[in-house]
Amino acid sequence: MTDSNKNHWENVYETKNPDQVSWTQEKPQVSLDFIHSFGLGKDARIIDIGGGDSNLVDFLLDEGYQHITVLDISAKALEKAKIRLGNKAEKVQWIVSDITEFEPEERYDIWHDRAAFHFLTAPEQISKYIDITEKYVTGFMAIGTFSKNGPEKCSGLDIQQYDEGSLAATFENSFEKISCLTEDHITPFGTVQNFVFCSFKKH
């Protein structure tokens, strides 16, 4: 991915509030349900890929999870999240990185990604992402992307649509699909985006 991509996201987070971007969720219930369904303790190592200034980290902290990492290409997005969390932000590890260039320093029990993976449209980007998950995820993944009934672009960028079958097939070498569901996400401006979410367990 290029600097222009990073610049794109820095600009989005610099100029727009949560109520002005389509992916904002007051409470990321589907993500929380998947994380709870894995049945791991509060000491599970969780990473939120493309977490930006999403509220997921707030809920995980409130529930007592102790090892949370949030990764995003945009430093500005993470800065917003840190300001929102105040002192609690010190309990979180924040990583500014393009996911395709991410070199983890630890392994993760839970890998969560809502609406980051679908921005990878080139085969080499997708295979890099898969490679990272195969090496550094020890337990479970929850991944949400636009479905075949969802948008074809987001924030002016092309995305890759998936359905249950294609998402499961993408990760089948190292992960077994547990369950999938589709969700209509209502954006802050009242439009509907259809997502497919799947959970996976490492073989």
N, C-alpha and C. Protein backbone atom coordinates (compact mmCIF):
# COMPACT_ATOMS: atom_id res chain seq x y z
N MET A 1 0.84 -1.19 0.00
CA MET A 1 0.00 0.00 0.00
C MET A 1 0.88 1.25 0.00
N THR A 2 0.38 2.33 -0.47
CA THR A 2 1.22 3.50 -0.70
C THR A 2 0.99 4.58 0.36
N ASP A 3 1.85 5.60 0.30
CA ASP A 3 1.67 6.74 1.19
C ASP A 3 0.35 7.43 0.92
N SER A 4 -0.11 7.38 -0.33
CA SER A 4 -1.37 8.04 -0.66
C SER A 4 -2.52 7.41 0.12
N ASN A 5 -2.41 6.11 0.36
CA ASN A 5 -3.43 5.42 1.15
C ASN A 5 -3.42 5.92 2.59
N LYS A 6 -2.24 6.00 3.16
CA LYS A 6 -2.12 6.52 4.53
C LYS A 6 -2.64 7.96 4.59
N ASN A 7 -2.25 8.77 3.60
CA ASN A 7 -2.70 10.16 3.57
C ASN A 7 -4.21 10.26 3.47
N HIS A 8 -4.80 9.35 2.69
CA HIS A 8 -6.26 9.31 2.56
C HIS A 8 -6.91 9.16 3.93
N TRP A 9 -6.43 8.18 4.70
CA TRP A 9 -7.07 7.91 6.00
C TRP A 9 -6.74 8.98 7.04
N GLU A 10 -5.54 9.53 6.99
CA GLU A 10 -5.23 10.62 7.92
C GLU A 10 -6.18 11.80 7.65
N ASN A 11 -6.43 12.05 6.38
CA ASN A 11 -7.32 13.15 6.01
C ASN A 11 -8.76 12.89 6.47
N VAL A 12 -9.21 11.64 6.30
CA VAL A 12 -10.57 11.29 6.74
C VAL A 12 -10.74 11.57 8.22
N TYR A 13 -9.77 11.08 9.02
CA TYR A 13 -9.90 11.24 10.47
C TYR A 13 -9.60 12.67 10.94
N GLU A 14 -8.84 13.39 10.14
CA GLU A 14 -8.53 14.80 10.46
C GLU A 14 -9.76 15.67 10.27
N THR A 15 -10.56 15.34 9.25
CA THR A 15 -11.62 16.26 8.82
C THR A 15 -13.03 15.82 9.21
N LYS A 16 -13.18 14.57 9.67
CA LYS A 16 -14.55 14.08 9.93
C LYS A 16 -14.70 13.57 11.35
N ASN A 17 -15.87 13.81 11.91
CA ASN A 17 -16.23 13.29 13.22
C ASN A 17 -16.88 11.92 13.05
N PRO A 18 -17.00 11.15 14.16
CA PRO A 18 -17.61 9.81 14.04
C PRO A 18 -18.99 9.81 13.37
N ASP A 19 -19.78 10.88 13.58
CA ASP A 19 -21.11 10.90 12.97
C ASP A 19 -21.08 11.27 11.49
N GLN A 20 -19.88 11.46 10.95
CA GLN A 20 -19.75 11.81 9.53
C GLN A 20 -19.10 10.69 8.71
N VAL A 21 -18.78 9.57 9.35
CA VAL A 21 -18.20 8.44 8.62
C VAL A 21 -19.13 7.23 8.75
N SER A 22 -19.19 6.46 7.67
CA SER A 22 -20.24 5.44 7.57
C SER A 22 -20.06 4.28 8.54
N TRP A 23 -18.82 4.02 8.97
CA TRP A 23 -18.58 2.78 9.74
C TRP A 23 -18.85 2.92 11.23
N THR A 24 -19.17 4.14 11.69
CA THR A 24 -19.37 4.36 13.12
C THR A 24 -20.50 3.49 13.68
N GLN A 25 -20.22 2.85 14.82
CA GLN A 25 -21.23 2.08 15.55
C GLN A 25 -21.21 2.55 17.01
N GLU A 26 -22.39 2.81 17.55
CA GLU A 26 -22.44 3.18 18.96
C GLU A 26 -21.94 2.04 19.83
N LYS A 27 -22.51 0.85 19.57
CA LYS A 27 -22.07 -0.35 20.29
C LYS A 27 -21.84 -1.46 19.27
N PRO A 28 -20.62 -1.95 19.15
CA PRO A 28 -20.33 -3.00 18.15
C PRO A 28 -20.77 -4.37 18.64
N GLN A 29 -22.08 -4.57 18.68
CA GLN A 29 -22.64 -5.76 19.33
C GLN A 29 -22.19 -7.07 18.68
N VAL A 30 -22.20 -7.11 17.33
CA VAL A 30 -21.81 -8.36 16.65
C VAL A 30 -20.37 -8.72 16.99
N SER A 31 -19.49 -7.73 16.98
CA SER A 31 -18.09 -7.98 17.31
C SER A 31 -17.96 -8.50 18.75
N LEU A 32 -18.67 -7.87 19.67
CA LEU A 32 -18.61 -8.30 21.07
C LEU A 32 -19.16 -9.71 21.23
N ASP A 33 -20.25 -10.01 20.52
CA ASP A 33 -20.84 -11.36 20.60
C ASP A 33 -19.84 -12.42 20.14
N PHE A 34 -19.16 -12.15 19.04
CA PHE A 34 -18.18 -13.11 18.54
C PHE A 34 -17.04 -13.28 19.55
N ILE A 35 -16.54 -12.18 20.08
CA ILE A 35 -15.43 -12.26 21.05
C ILE A 35 -15.86 -13.06 22.28
N HIS A 36 -17.07 -12.81 22.77
CA HIS A 36 -17.57 -13.58 23.92
C HIS A 36 -17.72 -15.06 23.58
N SER A 37 -18.14 -15.32 22.34
CA SER A 37 -18.42 -16.72 21.95
C SER A 37 -17.17 -17.59 21.97
N PHE A 38 -15.99 -16.96 21.89
CA PHE A 38 -14.76 -17.74 21.90
C PHE A 38 -14.44 -18.29 23.29
N GLY A 39 -15.08 -17.75 24.31
CA GLY A 39 -14.98 -18.32 25.65
C GLY A 39 -13.62 -18.17 26.33
N LEU A 40 -12.85 -17.19 25.92
CA LEU A 40 -11.53 -17.00 26.53
C LEU A 40 -11.62 -16.05 27.72
N GLY A 41 -10.63 -16.12 28.59
CA GLY A 41 -10.62 -15.29 29.79
C GLY A 41 -10.25 -13.85 29.49
N LYS A 42 -10.30 -13.03 30.53
CA LYS A 42 -10.02 -11.60 30.37
C LYS A 42 -8.54 -11.33 30.08
N ASP A 43 -7.70 -12.36 30.21
CA ASP A 43 -6.28 -12.18 29.91
C ASP A 43 -5.96 -12.54 28.45
N ALA A 44 -6.99 -12.84 27.65
CA ALA A 44 -6.77 -13.15 26.23
C ALA A 44 -6.12 -11.96 25.53
N ARG A 45 -5.20 -12.25 24.63
CA ARG A 45 -4.55 -11.19 23.86
C ARG A 45 -5.40 -10.91 22.62
N ILE A 46 -5.96 -9.72 22.57
CA ILE A 46 -6.90 -9.34 21.51
C ILE A 46 -6.29 -8.22 20.68
N ILE A 47 -6.37 -8.35 19.36
CA ILE A 47 -5.98 -7.24 18.49
C ILE A 47 -7.14 -6.85 17.59
N ASP A 48 -7.37 -5.55 17.49
CA ASP A 48 -8.43 -5.00 16.63
C ASP A 48 -7.74 -4.36 15.43
N ILE A 49 -7.91 -4.98 14.27
CA ILE A 49 -7.25 -4.54 13.03
C ILE A 49 -8.08 -3.43 12.38
N GLY A 50 -7.42 -2.31 12.07
CA GLY A 50 -8.17 -1.19 11.49
C GLY A 50 -9.15 -0.60 12.48
N GLY A 51 -8.79 -0.71 13.77
CA GLY A 51 -9.72 -0.29 14.83
C GLY A 51 -10.03 1.19 14.82
N GLY A 52 -9.11 2.00 14.27
CA GLY A 52 -9.37 3.43 14.18
C GLY A 52 -9.81 4.02 15.50
N ASP A 53 -10.88 4.81 15.46
CA ASP A 53 -11.42 5.32 16.73
C ASP A 53 -12.73 4.62 17.07
N SER A 54 -12.80 3.33 16.69
CA SER A 54 -13.98 2.50 17.01
C SER A 54 -14.16 2.37 18.52
N ASN A 55 -15.42 2.17 18.92
CA ASN A 55 -15.76 2.04 20.34
C ASN A 55 -15.51 0.65 20.90
N LEU A 56 -15.07 -0.29 20.08
CA LEU A 56 -14.90 -1.67 20.57
C LEU A 56 -13.95 -1.71 21.77
N VAL A 57 -12.86 -0.97 21.68
CA VAL A 57 -11.87 -0.99 22.76
C VAL A 57 -12.48 -0.51 24.07
N ASP A 58 -13.39 0.47 24.02
CA ASP A 58 -14.04 0.97 25.24
C ASP A 58 -14.79 -0.14 25.95
N PHE A 59 -15.58 -0.90 25.17
CA PHE A 59 -16.38 -1.97 25.75
C PHE A 59 -15.50 -3.09 26.30
N LEU A 60 -14.43 -3.42 25.57
CA LEU A 60 -13.52 -4.48 26.04
C LEU A 60 -12.84 -4.07 27.34
N LEU A 61 -12.42 -2.82 27.43
CA LEU A 61 -11.81 -2.33 28.68
C LEU A 61 -12.82 -2.38 29.83
N ASP A 62 -14.05 -1.94 29.54
CA ASP A 62 -15.09 -1.93 30.58
C ASP A 62 -15.39 -3.34 31.07
N GLU A 63 -15.23 -4.33 30.18
CA GLU A 63 -15.49 -5.72 30.57
C GLU A 63 -14.29 -6.36 31.27
N GLY A 64 -13.18 -5.63 31.33
CA GLY A 64 -12.04 -6.14 32.09
C GLY A 64 -10.97 -6.85 31.30
N TYR A 65 -11.03 -6.79 29.96
CA TYR A 65 -9.96 -7.41 29.17
C TYR A 65 -8.67 -6.63 29.39
N GLN A 66 -7.57 -7.37 29.54
CA GLN A 66 -6.32 -6.75 30.01
C GLN A 66 -5.26 -6.58 28.92
N HIS A 67 -5.39 -7.31 27.82
CA HIS A 67 -4.35 -7.26 26.78
C HIS A 67 -4.99 -6.91 25.44
N ILE A 68 -5.18 -5.63 25.20
CA ILE A 68 -5.85 -5.18 23.98
C ILE A 68 -4.86 -4.37 23.15
N THR A 69 -4.80 -4.69 21.87
CA THR A 69 -4.00 -3.92 20.92
C THR A 69 -4.94 -3.39 19.84
N VAL A 70 -4.76 -2.13 19.47
CA VAL A 70 -5.53 -1.55 18.37
C VAL A 70 -4.53 -1.09 17.30
N LEU A 71 -4.73 -1.57 16.08
CA LEU A 71 -3.87 -1.22 14.96
C LEU A 71 -4.66 -0.44 13.93
N ASP A 72 -4.05 0.62 13.42
CA ASP A 72 -4.68 1.36 12.33
C ASP A 72 -3.61 2.05 11.51
N ILE A 73 -3.89 2.25 10.24
CA ILE A 73 -2.95 2.95 9.35
C ILE A 73 -2.89 4.44 9.70
N SER A 74 -3.93 4.94 10.36
CA SER A 74 -4.03 6.37 10.64
C SER A 74 -3.66 6.69 12.09
N ALA A 75 -2.58 7.44 12.26
CA ALA A 75 -2.19 7.89 13.60
C ALA A 75 -3.27 8.81 14.18
N LYS A 76 -3.89 9.59 13.30
CA LYS A 76 -4.93 10.52 13.75
C LYS A 76 -6.13 9.77 14.35
N ALA A 77 -6.49 8.65 13.74
CA ALA A 77 -7.61 7.85 14.25
C ALA A 77 -7.31 7.36 15.66
N LEU A 78 -6.11 6.85 15.86
CA LEU A 78 -5.74 6.32 17.17
C LEU A 78 -5.65 7.44 18.20
N GLU A 79 -5.20 8.60 17.74
CA GLU A 79 -5.12 9.76 18.64
C GLU A 79 -6.51 10.13 19.16
N LYS A 80 -7.49 10.09 18.27
CA LYS A 80 -8.87 10.39 18.67
C LYS A 80 -9.36 9.39 19.72
N ALA A 81 -9.04 8.11 19.50
CA ALA A 81 -9.46 7.08 20.45
C ALA A 81 -8.79 7.30 21.81
N LYS A 82 -7.51 7.64 21.78
CA LYS A 82 -6.78 7.86 23.04
C LYS A 82 -7.38 9.02 23.81
N ILE A 83 -7.70 10.10 23.11
CA ILE A 83 -8.29 11.27 23.77
C ILE A 83 -9.64 10.89 24.40
N ARG A 84 -10.42 10.11 23.66
CA ARG A 84 -11.73 9.69 24.17
C ARG A 84 -11.59 8.84 25.43
N LEU A 85 -10.61 7.96 25.45
CA LEU A 85 -10.45 7.03 26.56
C LEU A 85 -9.77 7.66 27.78
N GLY A 86 -9.05 8.76 27.57
CA GLY A 86 -8.37 9.39 28.70
C GLY A 86 -7.32 8.47 29.30
N ASN A 87 -7.30 8.37 30.63
CA ASN A 87 -6.29 7.56 31.32
C ASN A 87 -6.36 6.09 30.93
N LYS A 88 -7.55 5.64 30.56
CA LYS A 88 -7.70 4.21 30.21
C LYS A 88 -6.88 3.83 28.98
N ALA A 89 -6.55 4.83 28.16
CA ALA A 89 -5.77 4.56 26.94
C ALA A 89 -4.41 3.94 27.26
N GLU A 90 -3.92 4.18 28.48
CA GLU A 90 -2.61 3.64 28.87
C GLU A 90 -2.64 2.13 29.00
N LYS A 91 -3.83 1.56 29.11
CA LYS A 91 -3.95 0.11 29.24
C LYS A 91 -3.92 -0.60 27.88
N VAL A 92 -3.91 0.17 26.81
CA VAL A 92 -4.01 -0.38 25.45
C VAL A 92 -2.69 -0.20 24.72
N GLN A 93 -2.34 -1.19 23.89
CA GLN A 93 -1.18 -1.00 23.01
C GLN A 93 -1.69 -0.46 21.67
N TRP A 94 -1.14 0.66 21.24
CA TRP A 94 -1.56 1.32 20.01
C TRP A 94 -0.48 1.15 18.96
N ILE A 95 -0.86 0.68 17.77
CA ILE A 95 0.12 0.47 16.70
C ILE A 95 -0.34 1.18 15.44
N VAL A 96 0.51 2.08 14.93
CA VAL A 96 0.24 2.73 13.65
C VAL A 96 0.96 1.93 12.57
N SER A 97 0.19 1.27 11.72
CA SER A 97 0.80 0.45 10.66
C SER A 97 -0.23 0.13 9.59
N ASP A 98 0.23 0.05 8.37
CA ASP A 98 -0.53 -0.57 7.30
C ASP A 98 -0.56 -2.07 7.63
N ILE A 99 -1.69 -2.68 7.60
CA ILE A 99 -1.79 -4.09 8.00
C ILE A 99 -0.87 -4.98 7.14
N THR A 100 -0.67 -4.63 5.88
CA THR A 100 0.15 -5.49 5.03
C THR A 100 1.65 -5.34 5.34
N GLU A 101 1.99 -4.35 6.16
CA GLU A 101 3.39 -4.17 6.55
C GLU A 101 3.61 -4.42 8.04
N PHE A 102 2.58 -4.94 8.69
CA PHE A 102 2.61 -5.18 10.13
C PHE A 102 3.54 -6.35 10.45
N GLU A 103 4.45 -6.13 11.39
CA GLU A 103 5.33 -7.20 11.87
C GLU A 103 5.09 -7.36 13.38
N PRO A 104 4.19 -8.24 13.74
CA PRO A 104 3.83 -8.38 15.16
C PRO A 104 5.02 -8.81 16.02
N GLU A 105 4.98 -8.35 17.26
CA GLU A 105 6.00 -8.75 18.22
C GLU A 105 5.45 -9.76 19.21
N GLU A 106 4.19 -10.13 19.04
CA GLU A 106 3.59 -11.15 19.90
C GLU A 106 2.52 -11.90 19.10
N ARG A 107 2.00 -12.95 19.71
CA ARG A 107 0.92 -13.70 19.08
C ARG A 107 -0.40 -13.32 19.75
N TYR A 108 -1.50 -13.57 19.01
CA TYR A 108 -2.80 -13.12 19.50
C TYR A 108 -3.78 -14.28 19.62
N ASP A 109 -4.54 -14.25 20.72
CA ASP A 109 -5.59 -15.26 20.94
C ASP A 109 -6.83 -14.94 20.11
N ILE A 110 -7.09 -13.64 19.95
CA ILE A 110 -8.27 -13.19 19.19
C ILE A 110 -7.85 -12.07 18.24
N TRP A 111 -8.17 -12.28 16.97
CA TRP A 111 -7.90 -11.29 15.92
C TRP A 111 -9.25 -10.79 15.44
N HIS A 112 -9.50 -9.50 15.60
CA HIS A 112 -10.79 -8.93 15.19
C HIS A 112 -10.56 -7.90 14.08
N ASP A 113 -11.38 -7.98 13.05
CA ASP A 113 -11.26 -7.04 11.93
C ASP A 113 -12.65 -6.78 11.38
N ARG A 114 -13.16 -5.58 11.63
CA ARG A 114 -14.42 -5.16 11.02
C ARG A 114 -14.12 -4.05 10.03
N ALA A 115 -14.22 -4.39 8.75
CA ALA A 115 -14.15 -3.39 7.67
C ALA A 115 -12.75 -2.87 7.38
N ALA A 116 -11.72 -3.67 7.68
CA ALA A 116 -10.38 -3.32 7.20
C ALA A 116 -9.98 -4.26 6.06
N PHE A 117 -10.21 -5.56 6.25
CA PHE A 117 -9.76 -6.55 5.27
C PHE A 117 -10.32 -6.28 3.87
N HIS A 118 -11.57 -5.79 3.80
CA HIS A 118 -12.17 -5.62 2.46
C HIS A 118 -11.53 -4.49 1.64
N PHE A 119 -10.67 -3.67 2.27
CA PHE A 119 -9.94 -2.66 1.50
C PHE A 119 -8.75 -3.24 0.75
N LEU A 120 -8.38 -4.48 1.06
CA LEU A 120 -7.27 -5.13 0.35
C LEU A 120 -7.83 -5.77 -0.92
N THR A 121 -7.46 -5.20 -2.06
CA THR A 121 -8.05 -5.66 -3.32
C THR A 121 -7.03 -6.35 -4.22
N ALA A 122 -5.75 -6.17 -3.96
CA ALA A 122 -4.72 -6.82 -4.79
C ALA A 122 -4.35 -8.17 -4.18
N PRO A 123 -4.14 -9.20 -5.02
CA PRO A 123 -3.83 -10.54 -4.50
C PRO A 123 -2.65 -10.55 -3.53
N GLU A 124 -1.62 -9.74 -3.81
CA GLU A 124 -0.45 -9.77 -2.92
C GLU A 124 -0.76 -9.17 -1.55
N GLN A 125 -1.68 -8.20 -1.51
CA GLN A 125 -2.09 -7.64 -0.22
C GLN A 125 -2.85 -8.69 0.60
N ILE A 126 -3.75 -9.38 -0.08
CA ILE A 126 -4.57 -10.39 0.59
C ILE A 126 -3.69 -11.52 1.10
N SER A 127 -2.72 -11.97 0.29
CA SER A 127 -1.88 -13.09 0.73
C SER A 127 -0.97 -12.67 1.88
N LYS A 128 -0.56 -11.40 1.90
CA LYS A 128 0.25 -10.90 3.02
C LYS A 128 -0.57 -10.94 4.32
N TYR A 129 -1.81 -10.51 4.22
CA TYR A 129 -2.71 -10.51 5.38
C TYR A 129 -2.90 -11.94 5.89
N ILE A 130 -3.18 -12.86 4.97
CA ILE A 130 -3.37 -14.26 5.36
C ILE A 130 -2.12 -14.80 6.04
N ASP A 131 -0.97 -14.47 5.47
CA ASP A 131 0.31 -14.92 6.01
C ASP A 131 0.50 -14.46 7.46
N ILE A 132 0.16 -13.21 7.73
CA ILE A 132 0.30 -12.67 9.09
C ILE A 132 -0.62 -13.42 10.05
N THR A 133 -1.86 -13.65 9.63
CA THR A 133 -2.80 -14.35 10.52
C THR A 133 -2.33 -15.78 10.78
N GLU A 134 -1.80 -16.43 9.77
CA GLU A 134 -1.35 -17.82 9.95
C GLU A 134 -0.19 -17.91 10.93
N LYS A 135 0.65 -16.89 10.94
CA LYS A 135 1.83 -16.92 11.81
C LYS A 135 1.53 -16.43 13.23
N TYR A 136 0.63 -15.48 13.36
CA TYR A 136 0.52 -14.78 14.64
C TYR A 136 -0.81 -14.94 15.37
N VAL A 137 -1.76 -15.63 14.78
CA VAL A 137 -3.03 -15.88 15.48
C VAL A 137 -3.00 -17.31 16.01
N THR A 138 -3.14 -17.45 17.31
CA THR A 138 -3.07 -18.79 17.91
C THR A 138 -4.45 -19.38 18.18
N GLY A 139 -5.47 -18.51 18.25
CA GLY A 139 -6.78 -18.99 18.65
C GLY A 139 -7.89 -18.75 17.65
N PHE A 140 -8.45 -17.55 17.68
CA PHE A 140 -9.68 -17.27 16.95
C PHE A 140 -9.58 -15.97 16.14
N MET A 141 -10.43 -15.90 15.11
CA MET A 141 -10.58 -14.66 14.34
C MET A 141 -12.06 -14.35 14.17
N ALA A 142 -12.37 -13.05 14.15
CA ALA A 142 -13.70 -12.58 13.74
C ALA A 142 -13.46 -11.50 12.69
N ILE A 143 -13.97 -11.74 11.48
CA ILE A 143 -13.73 -10.82 10.38
C ILE A 143 -15.06 -10.41 9.76
N GLY A 144 -15.23 -9.09 9.60
CA GLY A 144 -16.44 -8.57 8.97
C GLY A 144 -16.08 -7.73 7.76
N THR A 145 -16.71 -8.04 6.63
CA THR A 145 -16.48 -7.29 5.39
C THR A 145 -17.82 -6.93 4.76
N PHE A 146 -17.78 -6.05 3.77
CA PHE A 146 -19.00 -5.84 2.99
C PHE A 146 -19.36 -7.13 2.27
N SER A 147 -20.65 -7.43 2.27
CA SER A 147 -21.13 -8.64 1.61
C SER A 147 -21.33 -8.39 0.12
N LYS A 148 -21.74 -9.43 -0.59
CA LYS A 148 -22.05 -9.30 -2.02
C LYS A 148 -23.24 -8.36 -2.24
N ASN A 149 -24.02 -8.14 -1.17
CA ASN A 149 -25.15 -7.19 -1.25
C ASN A 149 -24.79 -5.83 -0.68
N GLY A 150 -23.52 -5.67 -0.30
CA GLY A 150 -23.08 -4.42 0.32
C GLY A 150 -22.52 -3.46 -0.70
N PRO A 151 -21.96 -2.35 -0.22
CA PRO A 151 -21.38 -1.35 -1.11
C PRO A 151 -20.18 -1.89 -1.89
N GLU A 152 -19.90 -1.28 -3.02
CA GLU A 152 -18.73 -1.65 -3.82
C GLU A 152 -17.55 -0.73 -3.55
N LYS A 153 -17.83 0.38 -2.87
CA LYS A 153 -16.77 1.32 -2.47
C LYS A 153 -17.04 1.77 -1.05
N CYS A 154 -15.98 2.27 -0.41
CA CYS A 154 -16.15 2.88 0.91
C CYS A 154 -15.15 4.01 1.02
N SER A 155 -15.60 5.16 1.47
CA SER A 155 -14.73 6.32 1.63
C SER A 155 -14.00 6.65 0.33
N GLY A 156 -14.67 6.38 -0.80
CA GLY A 156 -14.09 6.70 -2.10
C GLY A 156 -13.12 5.67 -2.64
N LEU A 157 -12.89 4.59 -1.88
CA LEU A 157 -11.94 3.55 -2.30
C LEU A 157 -12.67 2.28 -2.71
N ASP A 158 -12.11 1.56 -3.68
CA ASP A 158 -12.66 0.26 -4.05
C ASP A 158 -12.47 -0.72 -2.90
N ILE A 159 -13.41 -1.64 -2.79
CA ILE A 159 -13.30 -2.69 -1.77
C ILE A 159 -13.53 -4.05 -2.46
N GLN A 160 -13.25 -5.10 -1.71
CA GLN A 160 -13.48 -6.47 -2.17
C GLN A 160 -14.67 -7.03 -1.41
N GLN A 161 -15.73 -7.40 -2.12
CA GLN A 161 -16.90 -7.97 -1.45
C GLN A 161 -16.67 -9.47 -1.20
N TYR A 162 -17.30 -9.97 -0.14
CA TYR A 162 -17.23 -11.41 0.18
C TYR A 162 -18.61 -11.93 0.51
N ASP A 163 -18.75 -13.25 0.42
CA ASP A 163 -19.89 -13.91 1.03
C ASP A 163 -19.32 -14.97 1.97
N GLU A 164 -20.20 -15.71 2.62
CA GLU A 164 -19.75 -16.70 3.59
C GLU A 164 -18.75 -17.68 2.97
N GLY A 165 -19.05 -18.15 1.78
CA GLY A 165 -18.19 -19.13 1.12
C GLY A 165 -16.82 -18.59 0.77
N SER A 166 -16.78 -17.40 0.19
CA SER A 166 -15.49 -16.85 -0.26
C SER A 166 -14.64 -16.41 0.92
N LEU A 167 -15.28 -15.92 1.98
CA LEU A 167 -14.51 -15.51 3.16
C LEU A 167 -13.91 -16.74 3.85
N ALA A 168 -14.71 -17.79 3.97
CA ALA A 168 -14.20 -19.02 4.58
C ALA A 168 -13.08 -19.63 3.74
N ALA A 169 -13.24 -19.59 2.42
CA ALA A 169 -12.23 -20.19 1.53
C ALA A 169 -10.91 -19.43 1.61
N THR A 170 -10.99 -18.12 1.84
CA THR A 170 -9.79 -17.30 1.91
C THR A 170 -8.84 -17.75 3.02
N PHE A 171 -9.41 -18.20 4.12
CA PHE A 171 -8.59 -18.54 5.29
C PHE A 171 -8.53 -20.04 5.58
N GLU A 172 -9.05 -20.87 4.65
CA GLU A 172 -9.28 -22.28 4.97
C GLU A 172 -8.00 -23.08 5.23
N ASN A 173 -6.85 -22.60 4.73
CA ASN A 173 -5.63 -23.37 4.94
C ASN A 173 -5.27 -23.51 6.41
N SER A 174 -5.53 -22.49 7.19
CA SER A 174 -5.13 -22.53 8.60
C SER A 174 -6.27 -22.33 9.58
N PHE A 175 -7.45 -21.98 9.07
CA PHE A 175 -8.57 -21.69 9.96
C PHE A 175 -9.83 -22.42 9.55
N GLU A 176 -10.52 -22.90 10.56
CA GLU A 176 -11.81 -23.55 10.34
C GLU A 176 -12.92 -22.55 10.64
N LYS A 177 -13.87 -22.44 9.73
CA LYS A 177 -15.00 -21.53 9.96
C LYS A 177 -15.87 -22.07 11.09
N ILE A 178 -16.20 -21.20 12.02
CA ILE A 178 -17.13 -21.59 13.10
C ILE A 178 -18.55 -21.21 12.71
N SER A 179 -18.76 -19.93 12.44
CA SER A 179 -20.10 -19.49 12.04
C SER A 179 -20.02 -18.18 11.29
N CYS A 180 -21.06 -17.90 10.52
CA CYS A 180 -21.14 -16.65 9.77
C CYS A 180 -22.54 -16.06 9.91
N LEU A 181 -22.61 -14.75 9.78
CA LEU A 181 -23.92 -14.10 9.75
C LEU A 181 -23.81 -12.86 8.89
N THR A 182 -24.94 -12.37 8.43
CA THR A 182 -24.95 -11.09 7.73
C THR A 182 -25.66 -10.07 8.62
N GLU A 183 -25.23 -8.84 8.49
CA GLU A 183 -25.78 -7.78 9.33
C GLU A 183 -25.99 -6.54 8.48
N ASP A 184 -27.15 -5.92 8.64
CA ASP A 184 -27.38 -4.61 8.03
C ASP A 184 -26.90 -3.55 9.00
N HIS A 185 -25.83 -2.86 8.62
CA HIS A 185 -25.33 -1.76 9.44
C HIS A 185 -25.99 -0.47 8.95
N ILE A 186 -26.64 0.23 9.87
CA ILE A 186 -27.24 1.52 9.54
C ILE A 186 -26.20 2.60 9.84
N THR A 187 -25.81 3.35 8.81
CA THR A 187 -24.79 4.37 8.99
C THR A 187 -25.37 5.57 9.75
N PRO A 188 -24.49 6.46 10.27
CA PRO A 188 -25.00 7.64 10.98
C PRO A 188 -25.90 8.52 10.11
N PHE A 189 -25.79 8.36 8.77
CA PHE A 189 -26.68 9.17 7.92
C PHE A 189 -27.82 8.35 7.32
N GLY A 190 -28.11 7.21 7.93
CA GLY A 190 -29.34 6.50 7.62
C GLY A 190 -29.30 5.57 6.43
N THR A 191 -28.13 5.37 5.80
CA THR A 191 -28.05 4.39 4.71
C THR A 191 -27.73 3.01 5.29
N VAL A 192 -27.96 1.99 4.48
CA VAL A 192 -27.78 0.61 4.94
C VAL A 192 -26.59 -0.01 4.23
N GLN A 193 -25.72 -0.64 5.01
CA GLN A 193 -24.59 -1.39 4.44
C GLN A 193 -24.69 -2.83 4.94
N ASN A 194 -24.70 -3.77 3.99
CA ASN A 194 -24.79 -5.17 4.39
C ASN A 194 -23.39 -5.77 4.56
N PHE A 195 -23.14 -6.30 5.75
CA PHE A 195 -21.87 -6.93 6.10
C PHE A 195 -22.03 -8.44 6.20
N VAL A 196 -20.97 -9.17 5.91
CA VAL A 196 -20.89 -10.58 6.29
C VAL A 196 -19.79 -10.69 7.35
N PHE A 197 -20.10 -11.38 8.43
CA PHE A 197 -19.16 -11.63 9.53
C PHE A 197 -18.95 -13.12 9.65
N CYS A 198 -17.71 -13.54 9.79
CA CYS A 198 -17.41 -14.94 10.06
C CYS A 198 -16.44 -15.05 11.22
N SER A 199 -16.63 -16.10 12.00
CA SER A 199 -15.66 -16.43 13.06
C SER A 199 -14.92 -17.70 12.66
N PHE A 200 -13.67 -17.76 13.09
CA PHE A 200 -12.78 -18.86 12.70
C PHE A 200 -11.98 -19.34 13.90
N LYS A 201 -11.60 -20.61 13.83
CA LYS A 201 -10.71 -21.20 14.84
C LYS A 201 -9.47 -21.73 14.14
N LYS A 202 -8.31 -21.47 14.70
CA LYS A 202 -7.06 -21.97 14.13
C LYS A 202 -7.07 -23.49 14.14
N HIS A 203 -6.63 -24.09 13.04
CA HIS A 203 -6.56 -25.56 12.97
C HIS A 203 -5.67 -26.10 14.08
